PDB file of all heavy atoms in Angstrom:
ATOM      1  N   LEU A   1       0.809  -1.218   0.000  1.00  0.00           N
ATOM      2  CA  LEU A   1       0.000   0.000   0.000  1.00  0.00           C
ATOM      3  C   LEU A   1       0.842   1.269   0.000  1.00  0.00           C
ATOM      4  O   LEU A   1       0.337   2.357  -0.315  1.00  0.00           O
ATOM      5  CB  LEU A   1      -0.933   0.012   1.208  1.00  0.00           C
ATOM      6  CG  LEU A   1      -2.039  -1.046   1.222  1.00  0.00           C
ATOM      7  CD1 LEU A   1      -2.837  -0.954   2.512  1.00  0.00           C
ATOM      8  CD2 LEU A   1      -2.959  -0.887   0.019  1.00  0.00           C
ATOM      9  N   ARG A   2       2.104   1.149   0.355  1.00  0.00           N
ATOM     10  CA  ARG A   2       2.972   2.335   0.341  1.00  0.00           C
ATOM     11  C   ARG A   2       3.084   2.959  -1.047  1.00  0.00           C
ATOM     12  O   ARG A   2       3.462   4.127  -1.188  1.00  0.00           O
ATOM     13  CB  ARG A   2       4.369   1.958   0.840  1.00  0.00           C
ATOM     14  CG  ARG A   2       4.413   1.501   2.298  1.00  0.00           C
ATOM     15  CD  ARG A   2       5.760   0.901   2.622  1.00  0.00           C
ATOM     16  NE  ARG A   2       5.786   0.317   3.958  1.00  0.00           N
ATOM     17  CZ  ARG A   2       6.644  -0.612   4.358  1.00  0.00           C
ATOM     18  NH1 ARG A   2       7.572  -1.066   3.522  1.00  0.00           N
ATOM     19  NH2 ARG A   2       6.591  -1.093   5.583  1.00  0.00           N
ATOM     20  N   ALA A   3       2.758   2.185  -2.077  1.00  0.00           N
ATOM     21  CA  ALA A   3       2.841   2.700  -3.447  1.00  0.00           C
ATOM     22  C   ALA A   3       1.809   3.779  -3.726  1.00  0.00           C
ATOM     23  O   ALA A   3       1.931   4.500  -4.723  1.00  0.00           O
ATOM     24  CB  ALA A   3       2.680   1.546  -4.446  1.00  0.00           C
ATOM     25  N   GLU A   4       0.782   3.919  -2.881  1.00  0.00           N
ATOM     26  CA  GLU A   4      -0.238   4.946  -3.080  1.00  0.00           C
ATOM     27  C   GLU A   4      -0.668   5.485  -1.718  1.00  0.00           C
ATOM     28  O   GLU A   4      -1.517   4.885  -1.044  1.00  0.00           O
ATOM     29  CB  GLU A   4      -1.432   4.359  -3.835  1.00  0.00           C
ATOM     30  CG  GLU A   4      -2.506   5.377  -4.154  1.00  0.00           C
ATOM     31  CD  GLU A   4      -1.931   6.604  -4.873  1.00  0.00           C
ATOM     32  OE1 GLU A   4      -1.382   6.441  -5.986  1.00  0.00           O
ATOM     33  OE2 GLU A   4      -2.022   7.702  -4.282  1.00  0.00           O
ATOM     34  N   PRO A   5      -0.076   6.601  -1.282  1.00  0.00           N
ATOM     35  CA  PRO A   5      -0.344   7.101   0.082  1.00  0.00           C
ATOM     36  C   PRO A   5      -1.816   7.317   0.404  1.00  0.00           C
ATOM     37  O   PRO A   5      -2.233   7.105   1.543  1.00  0.00           O
ATOM     38  CB  PRO A   5       0.440   8.414   0.123  1.00  0.00           C
ATOM     39  CG  PRO A   5       1.553   8.207  -0.861  1.00  0.00           C
ATOM     40  CD  PRO A   5       0.954   7.390  -1.967  1.00  0.00           C
ATOM     41  N   SER A   6      -2.606   7.740  -0.549  1.00  0.00           N
ATOM     42  CA  SER A   6      -4.018   7.988  -0.252  1.00  0.00           C
ATOM     43  C   SER A   6      -4.747   6.686   0.087  1.00  0.00           C
ATOM     44  O   SER A   6      -5.589   6.648   0.999  1.00  0.00           O
ATOM     45  CB  SER A   6      -4.701   8.685  -1.435  1.00  0.00           C
ATOM     46  OG  SER A   6      -4.662   7.868  -2.598  1.00  0.00           O
ATOM     47  N   LEU A   7      -4.440   5.626  -0.632  1.00  0.00           N
ATOM     48  CA  LEU A   7      -5.038   4.324  -0.319  1.00  0.00           C
ATOM     49  C   LEU A   7      -4.485   3.775   0.992  1.00  0.00           C
ATOM     50  O   LEU A   7      -5.220   3.176   1.790  1.00  0.00           O
ATOM     51  CB  LEU A   7      -4.786   3.338  -1.454  1.00  0.00           C
ATOM     52  CG  LEU A   7      -5.544   3.598  -2.764  1.00  0.00           C
ATOM     53  CD1 LEU A   7      -5.120   2.597  -3.824  1.00  0.00           C
ATOM     54  CD2 LEU A   7      -7.053   3.534  -2.550  1.00  0.00           C
ATOM     55  N   GLU A   8      -3.212   3.981   1.209  1.00  0.00           N
ATOM     56  CA  GLU A   8      -2.606   3.517   2.458  1.00  0.00           C
ATOM     57  C   GLU A   8      -3.284   4.179   3.659  1.00  0.00           C
ATOM     58  O   GLU A   8      -3.554   3.519   4.671  1.00  0.00           O
ATOM     59  CB  GLU A   8      -1.112   3.819   2.465  1.00  0.00           C
ATOM     60  CG  GLU A   8      -0.404   3.314   3.706  1.00  0.00           C
ATOM     61  CD  GLU A   8       1.080   3.651   3.708  1.00  0.00           C
ATOM     62  OE1 GLU A   8       1.462   4.658   3.072  1.00  0.00           O
ATOM     63  OE2 GLU A   8       1.865   2.911   4.336  1.00  0.00           O
ATOM     64  N   ALA A   9      -3.564   5.469   3.543  1.00  0.00           N
ATOM     65  CA  ALA A   9      -4.196   6.179   4.663  1.00  0.00           C
ATOM     66  C   ALA A   9      -5.583   5.620   4.972  1.00  0.00           C
ATOM     67  O   ALA A   9      -6.006   5.571   6.135  1.00  0.00           O
ATOM     68  CB  ALA A   9      -4.291   7.667   4.330  1.00  0.00           C
ATOM     69  N   LEU A  10      -6.297   5.178   3.959  1.00  0.00           N
ATOM     70  CA  LEU A  10      -7.630   4.612   4.169  1.00  0.00           C
ATOM     71  C   LEU A  10      -7.584   3.187   4.712  1.00  0.00           C
ATOM     72  O   LEU A  10      -8.325   2.825   5.628  1.00  0.00           O
ATOM     73  CB  LEU A  10      -8.403   4.616   2.845  1.00  0.00           C
ATOM     74  CG  LEU A  10      -8.939   5.949   2.333  1.00  0.00           C
ATOM     75  CD1 LEU A  10      -9.543   5.760   0.954  1.00  0.00           C
ATOM     76  CD2 LEU A  10      -9.997   6.500   3.287  1.00  0.00           C
ATOM     77  N   TRP A  11      -6.728   2.376   4.138  1.00  0.00           N
ATOM     78  CA  TRP A  11      -6.776   0.936   4.386  1.00  0.00           C
ATOM     79  C   TRP A  11      -5.873   0.462   5.518  1.00  0.00           C
ATOM     80  O   TRP A  11      -6.229  -0.488   6.231  1.00  0.00           O
ATOM     81  CB  TRP A  11      -6.424   0.176   3.100  1.00  0.00           C
ATOM     82  CG  TRP A  11      -7.548   0.155   2.126  1.00  0.00           C
ATOM     83  CD1 TRP A  11      -7.850   1.093   1.196  1.00  0.00           C
ATOM     84  CD2 TRP A  11      -8.556  -0.864   2.018  1.00  0.00           C
ATOM     85  NE1 TRP A  11      -8.975   0.736   0.489  1.00  0.00           N
ATOM     86  CE2 TRP A  11      -9.432  -0.475   0.971  1.00  0.00           C
ATOM     87  CE3 TRP A  11      -8.798  -2.055   2.683  1.00  0.00           C
ATOM     88  CZ2 TRP A  11     -10.525  -1.250   0.597  1.00  0.00           C
ATOM     89  CZ3 TRP A  11      -9.884  -2.835   2.304  1.00  0.00           C
ATOM     90  CH2 TRP A  11     -10.737  -2.434   1.288  1.00  0.00           C
ATOM     91  N   ARG A  12      -4.718   1.082   5.689  1.00  0.00           N
ATOM     92  CA  ARG A  12      -3.766   0.572   6.681  1.00  0.00           C
ATOM     93  C   ARG A  12      -4.378   0.490   8.093  1.00  0.00           C
ATOM     94  O   ARG A  12      -4.230  -0.547   8.764  1.00  0.00           O
ATOM     95  CB  ARG A  12      -2.496   1.424   6.683  1.00  0.00           C
ATOM     96  CG  ARG A  12      -1.440   0.948   7.679  1.00  0.00           C
ATOM     97  CD  ARG A  12      -0.229   1.891   7.702  1.00  0.00           C
ATOM     98  NE  ARG A  12       0.647   1.569   8.795  1.00  0.00           N
ATOM     99  CZ  ARG A  12       1.811   0.917   8.682  1.00  0.00           C
ATOM    100  NH1 ARG A  12       2.227   0.524   7.477  1.00  0.00           N
ATOM    101  NH2 ARG A  12       2.542   0.658   9.737  1.00  0.00           N
ATOM    102  N   PRO A  13      -5.058   1.531   8.596  1.00  0.00           N
ATOM    103  CA  PRO A  13      -5.614   1.412   9.956  1.00  0.00           C
ATOM    104  C   PRO A  13      -6.595   0.252  10.107  1.00  0.00           C
ATOM    105  O   PRO A  13      -6.635  -0.386  11.167  1.00  0.00           O
ATOM    106  CB  PRO A  13      -6.311   2.759  10.170  1.00  0.00           C
ATOM    107  CG  PRO A  13      -5.654   3.696   9.212  1.00  0.00           C
ATOM    108  CD  PRO A  13      -5.321   2.870   8.015  1.00  0.00           C
ATOM    109  N   LYS A  14      -7.354  -0.024   9.063  1.00  0.00           N
ATOM    110  CA  LYS A  14      -8.321  -1.121   9.140  1.00  0.00           C
ATOM    111  C   LYS A  14      -7.618  -2.476   9.075  1.00  0.00           C
ATOM    112  O   LYS A  14      -8.016  -3.426   9.765  1.00  0.00           O
ATOM    113  CB  LYS A  14      -9.339  -1.014   8.001  1.00  0.00           C
ATOM    114  CG  LYS A  14     -10.110   0.299   7.971  1.00  0.00           C
ATOM    115  CD  LYS A  14     -11.096   0.421   9.130  1.00  0.00           C
ATOM    116  CE  LYS A  14     -11.959   1.673   8.959  1.00  0.00           C
ATOM    117  NZ  LYS A  14     -13.001   1.795   9.999  1.00  0.00           N
ATOM    118  N   LEU A  15      -6.587  -2.573   8.260  1.00  0.00           N
ATOM    119  CA  LEU A  15      -5.857  -3.836   8.151  1.00  0.00           C
ATOM    120  C   LEU A  15      -5.084  -4.146   9.426  1.00  0.00           C
ATOM    121  O   LEU A  15      -4.865  -5.322   9.757  1.00  0.00           O
ATOM    122  CB  LEU A  15      -4.902  -3.807   6.957  1.00  0.00           C
ATOM    123  CG  LEU A  15      -5.541  -3.629   5.574  1.00  0.00           C
ATOM    124  CD1 LEU A  15      -4.466  -3.650   4.494  1.00  0.00           C
ATOM    125  CD2 LEU A  15      -6.601  -4.694   5.290  1.00  0.00           C
ATOM    126  N   LEU A  16      -4.654  -3.116  10.138  1.00  0.00           N
ATOM    127  CA  LEU A  16      -3.890  -3.322  11.369  1.00  0.00           C
ATOM    128  C   LEU A  16      -4.773  -3.359  12.609  1.00  0.00           C
ATOM    129  O   LEU A  16      -4.265  -3.535  13.715  1.00  0.00           O
ATOM    130  CB  LEU A  16      -2.835  -2.216  11.522  1.00  0.00           C
ATOM    131  CG  LEU A  16      -1.774  -2.143  10.422  1.00  0.00           C
ATOM    132  CD1 LEU A  16      -0.675  -1.172  10.813  1.00  0.00           C
ATOM    133  CD2 LEU A  16      -1.192  -3.511  10.118  1.00  0.00           C
ATOM    134  N   SER A  17      -6.056  -3.218  12.416  1.00  0.00           N
ATOM    135  CA  SER A  17      -6.963  -3.331  13.554  1.00  0.00           C
ATOM    136  C   SER A  17      -6.909  -4.752  14.114  1.00  0.00           C
ATOM    137  O   SER A  17      -6.788  -5.723  13.374  1.00  0.00           O
ATOM    138  CB  SER A  17      -8.392  -3.012  13.119  1.00  0.00           C
ATOM    139  OG  SER A  17      -9.319  -3.351  14.140  1.00  0.00           O
ATOM    140  N   ARG A  18      -7.010  -4.859  15.416  1.00  0.00           N
ATOM    141  CA  ARG A  18      -7.051  -6.182  16.039  1.00  0.00           C
ATOM    142  C   ARG A  18      -8.487  -6.641  16.291  1.00  0.00           C
ATOM    143  O   ARG A  18      -8.727  -7.520  17.115  1.00  0.00           O
ATOM    144  CB  ARG A  18      -6.240  -6.176  17.332  1.00  0.00           C
ATOM    145  CG  ARG A  18      -4.737  -6.019  17.092  1.00  0.00           C
ATOM    146  CD  ARG A  18      -3.945  -6.478  18.275  1.00  0.00           C
ATOM    147  NE  ARG A  18      -2.515  -6.367  18.052  1.00  0.00           N
ATOM    148  CZ  ARG A  18      -1.625  -7.044  18.757  1.00  0.00           C
ATOM    149  NH1 ARG A  18      -2.015  -7.860  19.727  1.00  0.00           N
ATOM    150  NH2 ARG A  18      -0.340  -6.898  18.524  1.00  0.00           N
ATOM    151  N   ARG A  19      -9.402  -6.056  15.560  1.00  0.00           N
ATOM    152  CA  ARG A  19     -10.803  -6.465  15.653  1.00  0.00           C
ATOM    153  C   ARG A  19     -11.217  -7.130  14.346  1.00  0.00           C
ATOM    154  O   ARG A  19     -11.073  -6.553  13.263  1.00  0.00           O
ATOM    155  CB  ARG A  19     -11.693  -5.258  15.949  1.00  0.00           C
ATOM    156  CG  ARG A  19     -11.473  -4.656  17.336  1.00  0.00           C
ATOM    157  CD  ARG A  19     -12.374  -3.457  17.554  1.00  0.00           C
ATOM    158  NE  ARG A  19     -13.792  -3.835  17.507  1.00  0.00           N
ATOM    159  CZ  ARG A  19     -14.796  -2.952  17.525  1.00  0.00           C
ATOM    160  NH1 ARG A  19     -14.515  -1.648  17.575  1.00  0.00           N
ATOM    161  NH2 ARG A  19     -16.047  -3.358  17.482  1.00  0.00           N
ATOM    162  N   TYR A  20     -11.690  -8.335  14.455  1.00  0.00           N
ATOM    163  CA  TYR A  20     -12.170  -9.075  13.286  1.00  0.00           C
ATOM    164  C   TYR A  20     -13.616  -8.689  13.028  1.00  0.00           C
ATOM    165  O   TYR A  20     -14.466  -8.777  13.911  1.00  0.00           O
ATOM    166  CB  TYR A  20     -12.048 -10.570  13.548  1.00  0.00           C
ATOM    167  CG  TYR A  20     -12.683 -11.440  12.483  1.00  0.00           C
ATOM    168  CD1 TYR A  20     -12.287 -11.344  11.152  1.00  0.00           C
ATOM    169  CD2 TYR A  20     -13.672 -12.362  12.813  1.00  0.00           C
ATOM    170  CE1 TYR A  20     -12.861 -12.147  10.179  1.00  0.00           C
ATOM    171  CE2 TYR A  20     -14.246 -13.175  11.849  1.00  0.00           C
ATOM    172  CZ  TYR A  20     -13.836 -13.062  10.528  1.00  0.00           C
ATOM    173  OH  TYR A  20     -14.408 -13.859   9.562  1.00  0.00           O
ATOM    174  N   ASP A  21     -13.895  -8.250  11.822  1.00  0.00           N
ATOM    175  CA  ASP A  21     -15.233  -7.784  11.477  1.00  0.00           C
ATOM    176  C   ASP A  21     -15.630  -8.391  10.129  1.00  0.00           C
ATOM    177  O   ASP A  21     -15.276  -7.867   9.069  1.00  0.00           O
ATOM    178  CB  ASP A  21     -15.249  -6.258  11.400  1.00  0.00           C
ATOM    179  CG  ASP A  21     -16.642  -5.696  11.170  1.00  0.00           C
ATOM    180  OD1 ASP A  21     -17.563  -6.485  10.891  1.00  0.00           O
ATOM    181  OD2 ASP A  21     -16.804  -4.466  11.260  1.00  0.00           O
ATOM    182  N   PRO A  22     -16.394  -9.493  10.149  1.00  0.00           N
ATOM    183  CA  PRO A  22     -16.788 -10.138   8.887  1.00  0.00           C
ATOM    184  C   PRO A  22     -18.040  -9.556   8.250  1.00  0.00           C
ATOM    185  O   PRO A  22     -18.544 -10.114   7.273  1.00  0.00           O
ATOM    186  CB  PRO A  22     -17.027 -11.583   9.328  1.00  0.00           C
ATOM    187  CG  PRO A  22     -17.540 -11.463  10.722  1.00  0.00           C
ATOM    188  CD  PRO A  22     -16.827 -10.267  11.325  1.00  0.00           C
ATOM    189  N   ALA A  23     -18.525  -8.439   8.743  1.00  0.00           N
ATOM    190  CA  ALA A  23     -19.776  -7.880   8.238  1.00  0.00           C
ATOM    191  C   ALA A  23     -19.669  -7.505   6.765  1.00  0.00           C
ATOM    192  O   ALA A  23     -18.612  -7.100   6.273  1.00  0.00           O
ATOM    193  CB  ALA A  23     -20.164  -6.642   9.054  1.00  0.00           C
ATOM    194  N   VAL A  24     -20.778  -7.646   6.066  1.00  0.00           N
ATOM    195  CA  VAL A  24     -20.885  -7.180   4.680  1.00  0.00           C
ATOM    196  C   VAL A  24     -21.182  -5.690   4.736  1.00  0.00           C
ATOM    197  O   VAL A  24     -22.331  -5.265   4.873  1.00  0.00           O
ATOM    198  CB  VAL A  24     -21.982  -7.951   3.932  1.00  0.00           C
ATOM    199  CG1 VAL A  24     -22.162  -7.385   2.520  1.00  0.00           C
ATOM    200  CG2 VAL A  24     -21.635  -9.440   3.868  1.00  0.00           C
ATOM    201  N   ALA A  25     -20.103  -4.909   4.653  1.00  0.00           N
ATOM    202  CA  ALA A  25     -20.240  -3.456   4.818  1.00  0.00           C
ATOM    203  C   ALA A  25     -19.034  -2.767   4.190  1.00  0.00           C
ATOM    204  O   ALA A  25     -17.949  -3.350   4.121  1.00  0.00           O
ATOM    205  CB  ALA A  25     -20.331  -3.100   6.305  1.00  0.00           C
ATOM    206  N   PRO A  26     -19.189  -1.529   3.742  1.00  0.00           N
ATOM    207  CA  PRO A  26     -18.054  -0.800   3.165  1.00  0.00           C
ATOM    208  C   PRO A  26     -16.993  -0.513   4.213  1.00  0.00           C
ATOM    209  O   PRO A  26     -17.245  -0.574   5.425  1.00  0.00           O
ATOM    210  CB  PRO A  26     -18.689   0.479   2.636  1.00  0.00           C
ATOM    211  CG  PRO A  26     -19.940   0.636   3.418  1.00  0.00           C
ATOM    212  CD  PRO A  26     -20.425  -0.743   3.714  1.00  0.00           C
ATOM    213  N   LEU A  27     -15.804  -0.185   3.748  1.00  0.00           N
ATOM    214  CA  LEU A  27     -14.643  -0.040   4.621  1.00  0.00           C
ATOM    215  C   LEU A  27     -14.895   0.931   5.765  1.00  0.00           C
ATOM    216  O   LEU A  27     -14.524   0.665   6.911  1.00  0.00           O
ATOM    217  CB  LEU A  27     -13.439   0.426   3.787  1.00  0.00           C
ATOM    218  CG  LEU A  27     -12.115   0.543   4.548  1.00  0.00           C
ATOM    219  CD1 LEU A  27     -11.608  -0.833   4.973  1.00  0.00           C
ATOM    220  CD2 LEU A  27     -11.070   1.260   3.694  1.00  0.00           C
ATOM    221  N   ALA A  28     -15.526   2.053   5.496  1.00  0.00           N
ATOM    222  CA  ALA A  28     -15.725   3.080   6.521  1.00  0.00           C
ATOM    223  C   ALA A  28     -16.558   2.571   7.684  1.00  0.00           C
ATOM    224  O   ALA A  28     -16.444   3.082   8.804  1.00  0.00           O
ATOM    225  CB  ALA A  28     -16.384   4.313   5.905  1.00  0.00           C
ATOM    226  N   ALA A  29     -17.379   1.559   7.445  1.00  0.00           N
ATOM    227  CA  ALA A  29     -18.257   1.037   8.488  1.00  0.00           C
ATOM    228  C   ALA A  29     -17.660  -0.157   9.224  1.00  0.00           C
ATOM    229  O   ALA A  29     -18.308  -0.699  10.127  1.00  0.00           O
ATOM    230  CB  ALA A  29     -19.599   0.642   7.886  1.00  0.00           C
ATOM    231  N   LYS A  30     -16.454  -0.535   8.878  1.00  0.00           N
ATOM    232  CA  LYS A  30     -15.859  -1.736   9.444  1.00  0.00           C
ATOM    233  C   LYS A  30     -14.934  -1.400  10.612  1.00  0.00           C
ATOM    234  O   LYS A  30     -14.185  -0.425  10.573  1.00  0.00           O
ATOM    235  CB  LYS A  30     -15.036  -2.494   8.381  1.00  0.00           C
ATOM    236  CG  LYS A  30     -15.795  -2.947   7.173  1.00  0.00           C
ATOM    237  CD  LYS A  30     -16.776  -4.072   7.491  1.00  0.00           C
ATOM    238  CE  LYS A  30     -16.115  -5.375   7.807  1.00  0.00           C
ATOM    239  NZ  LYS A  30     -15.748  -6.178   6.629  1.00  0.00           N
ATOM    240  N   ALA A  31     -14.946  -2.276  11.645  1.00  0.00           N
ATOM    241  CA  ALA A  31     -14.011  -2.129  12.763  1.00  0.00           C
ATOM    242  C   ALA A  31     -12.628  -2.623  12.400  1.00  0.00           C
ATOM    243  O   ALA A  31     -11.627  -2.242  13.017  1.00  0.00           O
ATOM    244  CB  ALA A  31     -14.533  -2.900  13.980  1.00  0.00           C
ATOM    245  N   GLY A  32     -12.554  -3.488  11.427  1.00  0.00           N
ATOM    246  CA  GLY A  32     -11.294  -4.022  10.941  1.00  0.00           C
ATOM    247  C   GLY A  32     -11.536  -4.626   9.576  1.00  0.00           C
ATOM    248  O   GLY A  32     -12.681  -4.922   9.206  1.00  0.00           O
ATOM    249  N   ALA A  33     -10.477  -4.804   8.804  1.00  0.00           N
ATOM    250  CA  ALA A  33     -10.624  -5.294   7.435  1.00  0.00           C
ATOM    251  C   ALA A  33      -9.554  -6.327   7.122  1.00  0.00           C
ATOM    252  O   ALA A  33      -8.504  -6.370   7.759  1.00  0.00           O
ATOM    253  CB  ALA A  33     -10.543  -4.139   6.439  1.00  0.00           C
ATOM    254  N   THR A  34      -9.855  -7.155   6.118  1.00  0.00           N
ATOM    255  CA  THR A  34      -8.881  -8.117   5.603  1.00  0.00           C
ATOM    256  C   THR A  34      -8.669  -7.849   4.120  1.00  0.00           C
ATOM    257  O   THR A  34      -9.520  -7.271   3.444  1.00  0.00           O
ATOM    258  CB  THR A  34      -9.365  -9.562   5.809  1.00  0.00           C
ATOM    259  OG1 THR A  34     -10.642  -9.725   5.171  1.00  0.00           O
ATOM    260  CG2 THR A  34      -9.486  -9.902   7.287  1.00  0.00           C
ATOM    261  N   MET A  35      -7.524  -8.311   3.624  1.00  0.00           N
ATOM    262  CA  MET A  35      -7.176  -8.086   2.229  1.00  0.00           C
ATOM    263  C   MET A  35      -6.823  -9.411   1.573  1.00  0.00           C
ATOM    264  O   MET A  35      -6.088 -10.226   2.141  1.00  0.00           O
ATOM    265  CB  MET A  35      -5.979  -7.137   2.121  1.00  0.00           C
ATOM    266  CG  MET A  35      -5.620  -6.750   0.691  1.00  0.00           C
ATOM    267  SD  MET A  35      -6.809  -5.590  -0.053  1.00  0.00           S
ATOM    268  CE  MET A  35      -6.339  -4.064   0.789  1.00  0.00           C
ATOM    269  N   GLY A  36      -7.379  -9.636   0.375  1.00  0.00           N
ATOM    270  CA  GLY A  36      -7.060 -10.825  -0.402  1.00  0.00           C
ATOM    271  C   GLY A  36      -6.262 -10.475  -1.643  1.00  0.00           C
ATOM    272  O   GLY A  36      -5.801  -9.345  -1.822  1.00  0.00           O
ATOM    273  N   MET A  37      -6.129 -11.471  -2.501  1.00  0.00           N
ATOM    274  CA  MET A  37      -5.360 -11.294  -3.729  1.00  0.00           C
ATOM    275  C   MET A  37      -6.039 -12.065  -4.851  1.00  0.00           C
ATOM    276  O   MET A  37      -6.547 -13.164  -4.633  1.00  0.00           O
ATOM    277  CB  MET A  37      -3.925 -11.808  -3.538  1.00  0.00           C
ATOM    278  CG  MET A  37      -3.037 -11.664  -4.767  1.00  0.00           C
ATOM    279  SD  MET A  37      -1.458 -12.559  -4.600  1.00  0.00           S
ATOM    280  CE  MET A  37      -0.652 -11.610  -3.329  1.00  0.00           C
TER     281      MET A  37
END
């Protein structure tokens, strides 16, 4: 994510959250997020 600071600012805090949140919801509404490939 370092390749795009604006995306890093949005996603990094959610990816580093220690709260697992499997809800079907957009990123802003999530307590934590996971990333796939």
